[in-house]
PDB file of N, CA and C in Angstrom:
ATOM      1  N   MET A   1      92.653  96.584 118.754  1.00  0.00           N
ATOM      2  CA  MET A   1      93.803  96.485 117.877  1.00  0.00           C
ATOM      3  C   MET A   1      93.400  95.690 116.637  1.00  0.00           C
ATOM      4  N   ASP A   2      93.737  96.225 115.474  1.00  0.00           N
ATOM      5  CA  ASP A   2      93.442  95.525 114.228  1.00  0.00           C
ATOM      6  C   ASP A   2      94.554  94.535 113.926  1.00  0.00           C
ATOM      7  N   TRP A   3      94.170  93.403 113.399  1.00  0.00           N
ATOM      8  CA  TRP A   3      95.142  92.396 113.009  1.00  0.00           C
ATOM      9  C   TRP A   3      95.197  92.333 111.503  1.00  0.00           C
ATOM     10  N   TRP A   4      96.350  92.040 110.971  1.00  0.00           N
ATOM     11  CA  TRP A   4      96.540  91.931 109.534  1.00  0.00           C
ATOM     12  C   TRP A   4      95.979  90.606 109.051  1.00  0.00           C
ATOM     13  N   SER A   5      95.343  90.637 107.897  1.00  0.00           N
ATOM     14  CA  SER A   5      94.855  89.391 107.312  1.00  0.00           C
ATOM     15  C   SER A   5      96.023  88.666 106.649  1.00  0.00           C
ATOM     16  N   GLU A   6      95.825  87.412 106.339  1.00  0.00           N
ATOM     17  CA  GLU A   6      96.870  86.625 105.688  1.00  0.00           C
ATOM     18  C   GLU A   6      97.221  87.221 104.314  1.00  0.00           C
ATOM     19  N   VAL A   7      96.223  87.689 103.592  1.00  0.00           N
ATOM     20  CA  VAL A   7      96.445  88.291 102.275  1.00  0.00           C
ATOM     21  C   VAL A   7      97.270  89.565 102.405  1.00  0.00           C
ATOM     22  N   GLU A   8      96.956  90.401 103.383  1.00  0.00           N
ATOM     23  CA  GLU A   8      97.709  91.644 103.585  1.00  0.00           C
ATOM     24  C   GLU A   8      99.157  91.357 103.961  1.00  0.00           C
ATOM     25  N   LEU A   9      99.360  90.390 104.840  1.00  0.00           N
ATOM     26  CA  LEU A   9     100.724  90.037 105.233  1.00  0.00           C
ATOM     27  C   LEU A   9     101.517  89.475 104.065  1.00  0.00           C
ATOM     28  N   GLU A  10     100.871  88.653 103.247  1.00  0.00           N
ATOM     29  CA  GLU A  10     101.552  88.096 102.083  1.00  0.00           C
ATOM     30  C   GLU A  10     101.927  89.203 101.100  1.00  0.00           C
ATOM     31  N   SER A  11     101.055  90.184 100.916  1.00  0.00           N
ATOM     32  CA  SER A  11     101.354  91.312 100.029  1.00  0.00           C
ATOM     33  C   SER A  11     102.566  92.086 100.524  1.00  0.00           C
ATOM     34  N   LEU A  12     102.610  92.339 101.829  1.00  0.00           N
ATOM     35  CA  LEU A  12     103.765  93.037 102.408  1.00  0.00           C
ATOM     36  C   LEU A  12     105.040  92.221 102.249  1.00  0.00           C
ATOM     37  N   LEU A  13     104.934  90.918 102.421  1.00  0.00           N
ATOM     38  CA  LEU A  13     106.088  90.042 102.248  1.00  0.00           C
ATOM     39  C   LEU A  13     106.628  90.141 100.827  1.00  0.00           C
ATOM     40  N   TRP A  14     105.735  90.055  99.839  1.00  0.00           N
ATOM     41  CA  TRP A  14     106.171  90.133  98.447  1.00  0.00           C
ATOM     42  C   TRP A  14     106.791  91.487  98.126  1.00  0.00           C
ATOM     43  N   LEU A  15     106.209  92.549  98.634  1.00  0.00           N
ATOM     44  CA  LEU A  15     106.786  93.880  98.410  1.00  0.00           C
ATOM     45  C   LEU A  15     108.202  93.961  98.964  1.00  0.00           C
ATOM     46  N   ASN A  16     108.395  93.439 100.157  1.00  0.00           N
ATOM     47  CA  ASN A  16     109.728  93.464 100.762  1.00  0.00           C
ATOM     48  C   ASN A  16     110.707  92.564 100.015  1.00  0.00           C
ATOM     49  N   LEU A  17     110.240  91.407  99.561  1.00  0.00           N
ATOM     50  CA  LEU A  17     111.119  90.509  98.804  1.00  0.00           C
ATOM     51  C   LEU A  17     111.574  91.162  97.503  1.00  0.00           C
ATOM     52  N   VAL A  18     110.641  91.792  96.792  1.00  0.00           N
ATOM     53  CA  VAL A  18     110.999  92.462  95.540  1.00  0.00           C
ATOM     54  C   VAL A  18     111.928  93.635  95.824  1.00  0.00           C
ATOM     55  N   LYS A  19     111.654  94.366  96.903  1.00  0.00           N
ATOM     56  CA  LYS A  19     112.486  95.521  97.252  1.00  0.00           C
ATOM     57  C   LYS A  19     113.946  95.114  97.433  1.00  0.00           C
ATOM     58  N   TYR A  20     114.180  94.009  98.105  1.00  0.00           N
ATOM     59  CA  TYR A  20     115.556  93.601  98.382  1.00  0.00           C
ATOM     60  C   TYR A  20     116.150  92.748  97.270  1.00  0.00           C
ATOM     61  N   ALA A  21     115.332  91.982  96.567  1.00  0.00           N
ATOM     62  CA  ALA A  21     115.849  91.111  95.515  1.00  0.00           C
ATOM     63  C   ALA A  21     116.088  91.865  94.210  1.00  0.00           C
ATOM     64  N   ASP A  22     115.240  92.831  93.900  1.00  0.00           N
ATOM     65  CA  ASP A  22     115.367  93.563  92.638  1.00  0.00           C
ATOM     66  C   ASP A  22     114.939  95.006  92.873  1.00  0.00           C
ATOM     67  N   SER A  23     115.875  95.797  93.363  1.00  0.00           N
ATOM     68  CA  SER A  23     115.545  97.169  93.754  1.00  0.00           C
ATOM     69  C   SER A  23     115.087  98.015  92.573  1.00  0.00           C
ATOM     70  N   GLU A  24     115.575  97.728  91.357  1.00  0.00           N
ATOM     71  CA  GLU A  24     115.136  98.488  90.186  1.00  0.00           C
ATOM     72  C   GLU A  24     113.676  98.201  89.872  1.00  0.00           C
ATOM     73  N   GLN A  25     113.279  96.931  89.958  1.00  0.00           N
ATOM     74  CA  GLN A  25     111.882  96.579  89.712  1.00  0.00           C
ATOM     75  C   GLN A  25     110.990  97.201  90.778  1.00  0.00           C
ATOM     76  N   PHE A  26     111.445  97.203  92.025  1.00  0.00           N
ATOM     77  CA  PHE A  26     110.664  97.799  93.105  1.00  0.00           C
ATOM     78  C   PHE A  26     110.500  99.303  92.875  1.00  0.00           C
ATOM     79  N   ALA A  27     111.559  99.972  92.453  1.00  0.00           N
ATOM     80  CA  ALA A  27     111.490 101.412  92.193  1.00  0.00           C
ATOM     81  C   ALA A  27     110.504 101.706  91.063  1.00  0.00           C
ATOM     82  N   ALA A  28     110.528 100.870  90.013  1.00  0.00           N
ATOM     83  CA  ALA A  28     109.597 101.058  88.899  1.00  0.00           C
ATOM     84  C   ALA A  28     108.166 100.843  89.370  1.00  0.00           C
ATOM     85  N   PHE A  29     107.960  99.834  90.211  1.00  0.00           N
ATOM     86  CA  PHE A  29     106.627  99.566  90.759  1.00  0.00           C
ATOM     87  C   PHE A  29     106.146 100.736  91.612  1.00  0.00           C
ATOM     88  N   ALA A  30     107.014 101.240  92.469  1.00  0.00           N
ATOM     89  CA  ALA A  30     106.646 102.354  93.342  1.00  0.00           C
ATOM     90  C   ALA A  30     106.312 103.594  92.522  1.00  0.00           C
ATOM     91  N   ASP A  31     107.121 103.854  91.485  1.00  0.00           N
ATOM     92  CA  ASP A  31     106.839 105.001  90.614  1.00  0.00           C
ATOM     93  C   ASP A  31     105.482 104.851  89.936  1.00  0.00           C
ATOM     94  N   GLU A  32     105.190 103.648  89.431  1.00  0.00           N
ATOM     95  CA  GLU A  32     103.910 103.401  88.765  1.00  0.00           C
ATOM     96  C   GLU A  32     102.756 103.561  89.746  1.00  0.00           C
ATOM     97  N   LEU A  33     102.931 103.048  90.937  1.00  0.00           N
ATOM     98  CA  LEU A  33     101.882 103.136  91.948  1.00  0.00           C
ATOM     99  C   LEU A  33     101.606 104.588  92.318  1.00  0.00           C
ATOM    100  N   LEU A  34     102.655 105.370  92.516  1.00  0.00           N
ATOM    101  CA  LEU A  34     102.485 106.785  92.858  1.00  0.00           C
ATOM    102  C   LEU A  34     101.851 107.551  91.707  1.00  0.00           C
ATOM    103  N   GLU A  35     102.270 107.237  90.479  1.00  0.00           N
ATOM    104  CA  GLU A  35     101.690 107.913  89.325  1.00  0.00           C
ATOM    105  C   GLU A  35     100.212 107.559  89.195  1.00  0.00           C
ATOM    106  N   ARG A  36      99.877 106.302  89.402  1.00  0.00           N
ATOM    107  CA  ARG A  36      98.491 105.863  89.307  1.00  0.00           C
ATOM    108  C   ARG A  36      97.642 106.526  90.386  1.00  0.00           C
ATOM    109  N   SER A  37      98.163 106.628  91.598  1.00  0.00           N
ATOM    110  CA  SER A  37      97.383 107.241  92.675  1.00  0.00           C
ATOM    111  C   SER A  37      97.194 108.727  92.429  1.00  0.00           C
ATOM    112  N   ALA A  38      98.181 109.362  91.800  1.00  0.00           N
ATOM    113  CA  ALA A  38      98.045 110.788  91.489  1.00  0.00           C
ATOM    114  C   ALA A  38      96.978 111.006  90.421  1.00  0.00           C
ATOM    115  N   LYS A  39      96.844 110.049  89.514  1.00  0.00           N
ATOM    116  CA  LYS A  39      95.852 110.174  88.450  1.00  0.00           C
ATOM    117  C   LYS A  39      94.437 109.938  88.953  1.00  0.00           C
ATOM    118  N   THR A  40      94.316 109.251  90.073  1.00  0.00           N
ATOM    119  CA  THR A  40      92.988 108.953  90.601  1.00  0.00           C
ATOM    120  C   THR A  40      92.643 109.826  91.797  1.00  0.00           C
ATOM    121  N   ALA A  41      93.399 110.891  91.970  1.00  0.00           N
ATOM    122  CA  ALA A  41      93.131 111.792  93.086  1.00  0.00           C
ATOM    123  C   ALA A  41      91.747 112.413  92.936  1.00  0.00           C
ATOM    124  N   THR A  42      91.146 112.689  94.039  1.00  0.00           N
ATOM    125  CA  THR A  42      89.827 113.291  94.033  1.00  0.00           C
ATOM    126  C   THR A  42      89.935 114.772  93.715  1.00  0.00           C
ATOM    127  N   THR A  43      89.062 115.215  92.854  1.00  0.00           N
ATOM    128  CA  THR A  43      89.008 116.637  92.545  1.00  0.00           C
ATOM    129  C   THR A  43      87.596 117.126  92.833  1.00  0.00           C
ATOM    130  N   MET A  44      87.489 118.409  93.043  1.00  0.00           N
ATOM    131  CA  MET A  44      86.165 118.976  93.261  1.00  0.00           C
ATOM    132  C   MET A  44      86.127 120.360  92.653  1.00  0.00           C
ATOM    133  N   GLU A  45      84.926 120.804  92.380  1.00  0.00           N
ATOM    134  CA  GLU A  45      84.718 122.112  91.804  1.00  0.00           C
ATOM    135  C   GLU A  45      83.892 122.924  92.792  1.00  0.00           C
ATOM    136  N   VAL A  46      84.302 124.160  92.997  1.00  0.00           N
ATOM    137  CA  VAL A  46      83.600 125.034  93.930  1.00  0.00           C
ATOM    138  C   VAL A  46      83.127 126.250  93.162  1.00  0.00           C
ATOM    139  N   SER A  47      81.887 126.635  93.406  1.00  0.00           N
ATOM    140  CA  SER A  47      81.388 127.854  92.781  1.00  0.00           C
ATOM    141  C   SER A  47      80.760 128.727  93.858  1.00  0.00           C
ATOM    142  N   VAL A  48      80.806 130.016  93.624  1.00  0.00           N
ATOM    143  CA  VAL A  48      80.233 130.967  94.571  1.00  0.00           C
ATOM    144  C   VAL A  48      79.247 131.839  93.801  1.00  0.00           C
ATOM    145  N   ASP A  49      78.060 131.928  94.320  1.00  0.00           N
ATOM    146  CA  ASP A  49      77.035 132.777  93.710  1.00  0.00           C
ATOM    147  C   ASP A  49      76.903 134.055  94.535  1.00  0.00           C
ATOM    148  N   ALA A  50      76.798 135.173  93.856  1.00  0.00           N
ATOM    149  CA  ALA A  50      76.614 136.434  94.546  1.00  0.00           C
ATOM    150  C   ALA A  50      75.187 136.483  95.108  1.00  0.00           C
ATOM    151  N   THR A  51      75.061 136.835  96.391  1.00  0.00           N
ATOM    152  CA  THR A  51      73.735 136.906  97.039  1.00  0.00           C
ATOM    153  C   THR A  51      73.453 138.286  97.589  1.00  0.00           C
ATOM    154  N   ARG A  52      74.277 139.244  97.254  1.00  0.00           N
ATOM    155  CA  ARG A  52      74.139 140.621  97.741  1.00  0.00           C
ATOM    156  C   ARG A  52      74.059 140.677  99.276  1.00  0.00           C
ATOM    157  N   GLY A  53      74.925 139.885  99.896  1.00  0.00           N
ATOM    158  CA  GLY A  53      75.015 139.924 101.344  1.00  0.00           C
ATOM    159  C   GLY A  53      74.066 138.990 102.068  1.00  0.00           C
ATOM    160  N   GLU A  54      73.184 138.310 101.368  1.00  0.00           N
ATOM    161  CA  GLU A  54      72.249 137.390 102.030  1.00  0.00           C
ATOM    162  C   GLU A  54      72.836 135.991 102.074  1.00  0.00           C
ATOM    163  N   LEU A  55      72.544 135.285 103.139  1.00  0.00           N
ATOM    164  CA  LEU A  55      73.007 133.902 103.262  1.00  0.00           C
ATOM    165  C   LEU A  55      71.904 132.953 102.913  1.00  0.00           C
TER     166      LEU A  55
END
């Protein structure tokens, strides 16, 4: 079983405090976080070369 570090627990505490104390600020933070994660999504490029049936 993994245990949470003190830093991780404190981060969760602050997120919950902001969520309940200032829901508009929390919503803006969540939107920014989701937008940032979408911008850093992994992309890849795939190409296919014709081999005339050979592998």
